[in-house]
Amino acid sequence: MEDLDTLKAKVKKLNQQATALKMDLHDLSEDLPTGWERIMDIAQKTYDAHAALVAARQALSAAGG
């Protein structure tokens, strides 16, 4: 099991990645129909990043953080 500091760092990193991907998806939506081919790719990456973030937050909470 990861220690508390490692879990906190992981959550911080995943939060940054998820936020960046959320903004990429937002930017893409504003430029539509240009770049429509990238919708599924960016949406999947954003979904995966947020799923990983939720899992990391749950692990941190379970560890007492």
Foldseek 3Di string as FASTA:
>chain_A
DDDLVVLVVVLVVLVVQLVVLVVVQVVPVVPPPPPVVCNVVSVVSNVVSVVVNVVSVVVNVVNPD
